[in-house]
Amino acid sequence: MSSLPAHEPVPSVDTLLRRVVDHGERVVLRRGNDAVAIIPVEDLQLLEDLEDARDAADFERALAEDDGERVSWDEAKARLGLFD
């Protein structure tokens, strides 16, 4: 993985894309505490698949823990201290 400070000259977008697409490199551009990553599409798909699996596991866990209690939206807001 390459990390490039954004305040220094960076390679052209074409050069960065070639590094990512042709070589599978992951490139991180940083500006202070902010950062962005350029990653291969395959890595993005893997991340999305992992997120979907985690969401499905969370859903199954929530179903298993469901006690059947239901409250109205107004009651939920009151319990959470939210007001219109």
Protein backbone atom coordinates (compact mmCIF):
# COMPACT_ATOMS: atom_id res chain seq x y z
CA MET A 1 0.00 0.00 0.00
CA SER A 2 1.30 3.44 -0.89
CA SER A 3 0.60 6.51 1.19
CA LEU A 4 0.97 9.89 -0.47
CA PRO A 5 0.65 13.24 1.34
CA ALA A 6 -1.75 15.44 -0.64
CA HIS A 7 0.31 18.58 0.04
CA GLU A 8 3.20 17.19 -2.04
CA PRO A 9 3.05 16.73 -5.79
CA VAL A 10 1.30 13.46 -6.58
CA PRO A 11 1.44 11.36 -9.72
CA SER A 12 -1.21 11.98 -12.37
CA VAL A 13 -4.58 10.31 -12.00
CA ASP A 14 -3.69 8.09 -14.94
CA THR A 15 -0.50 6.95 -13.20
CA LEU A 16 -2.37 6.24 -9.95
CA LEU A 17 -5.08 4.30 -11.79
CA ARG A 18 -2.47 2.25 -13.63
CA ARG A 19 -0.80 1.36 -10.32
CA VAL A 20 -4.15 0.24 -8.91
CA VAL A 21 -5.60 -1.51 -11.97
CA ASP A 22 -2.46 -3.07 -13.43
CA HIS A 23 -0.62 -3.92 -10.21
CA GLY A 24 -3.42 -4.26 -7.63
CA GLU A 25 -1.79 -1.58 -5.52
CA ARG A 26 -3.80 0.29 -2.89
CA VAL A 27 -3.08 4.02 -2.79
CA VAL A 28 -3.93 6.29 0.13
CA LEU A 29 -3.93 10.07 -0.33
CA ARG A 30 -3.66 12.04 2.91
CA ARG A 31 -4.31 15.65 3.85
CA GLY A 32 -3.90 16.13 7.58
CA ASN A 33 -6.26 13.72 9.31
CA ASP A 34 -8.34 13.26 6.15
CA ALA A 35 -7.58 10.42 3.79
CA VAL A 36 -9.02 8.69 0.74
CA ALA A 37 -8.11 5.34 -0.72
CA ILE A 38 -8.01 4.21 -4.32
CA ILE A 39 -8.42 0.44 -4.39
CA PRO A 40 -9.02 -2.24 -7.02
CA VAL A 41 -12.68 -2.97 -7.77
CA GLU A 42 -12.15 -6.53 -6.55
CA ASP A 43 -11.17 -5.18 -3.11
CA LEU A 44 -14.27 -2.99 -3.06
CA GLN A 45 -16.46 -5.99 -3.91
CA LEU A 46 -14.85 -7.98 -1.10
CA LEU A 47 -15.49 -5.15 1.36
CA GLU A 48 -19.13 -4.94 0.25
CA ASP A 49 -19.53 -8.73 0.57
CA LEU A 50 -18.08 -8.61 4.09
CA GLU A 51 -20.40 -5.75 5.03
CA ASP A 52 -23.41 -7.67 3.65
CA ALA A 53 -22.42 -10.77 5.66
CA ARG A 54 -22.06 -8.70 8.83
CA ASP A 55 -25.45 -7.05 8.22
CA ALA A 56 -27.07 -10.47 7.70
CA ALA A 57 -25.51 -11.79 10.93
CA ASP A 58 -26.71 -8.70 12.83
CA PHE A 59 -30.21 -9.19 11.44
CA GLU A 60 -30.28 -12.88 12.43
CA ARG A 61 -29.03 -11.98 15.92
CA ALA A 62 -31.72 -9.28 16.26
CA LEU A 63 -34.40 -11.76 15.20
CA ALA A 64 -33.19 -14.28 17.76
CA GLU A 65 -33.23 -11.64 20.53
CA ASP A 66 -36.66 -10.22 19.58
CA ASP A 67 -38.98 -10.39 22.57
CA GLY A 68 -42.03 -9.40 20.53
CA GLU A 69 -42.53 -6.08 22.31
CA ARG A 70 -43.64 -3.29 20.01
CA VAL A 71 -44.09 0.39 20.80
CA SER A 72 -45.51 3.29 18.86
CA TRP A 73 -43.24 5.89 17.31
CA ASP A 74 -44.44 8.45 19.88
CA GLU A 75 -43.59 6.11 22.76
CA ALA A 76 -40.18 5.33 21.27
CA LYS A 77 -39.40 9.06 21.00
CA ALA A 78 -40.55 9.58 24.59
CA ARG A 79 -38.36 6.71 25.85
CA LEU A 80 -35.38 8.20 24.04
CA GLY A 81 -36.10 11.72 25.24
CA LEU A 82 -36.80 12.99 21.72
CA PHE A 83 -39.42 15.64 21.20
CA ASP A 84 -41.03 17.17 18.13
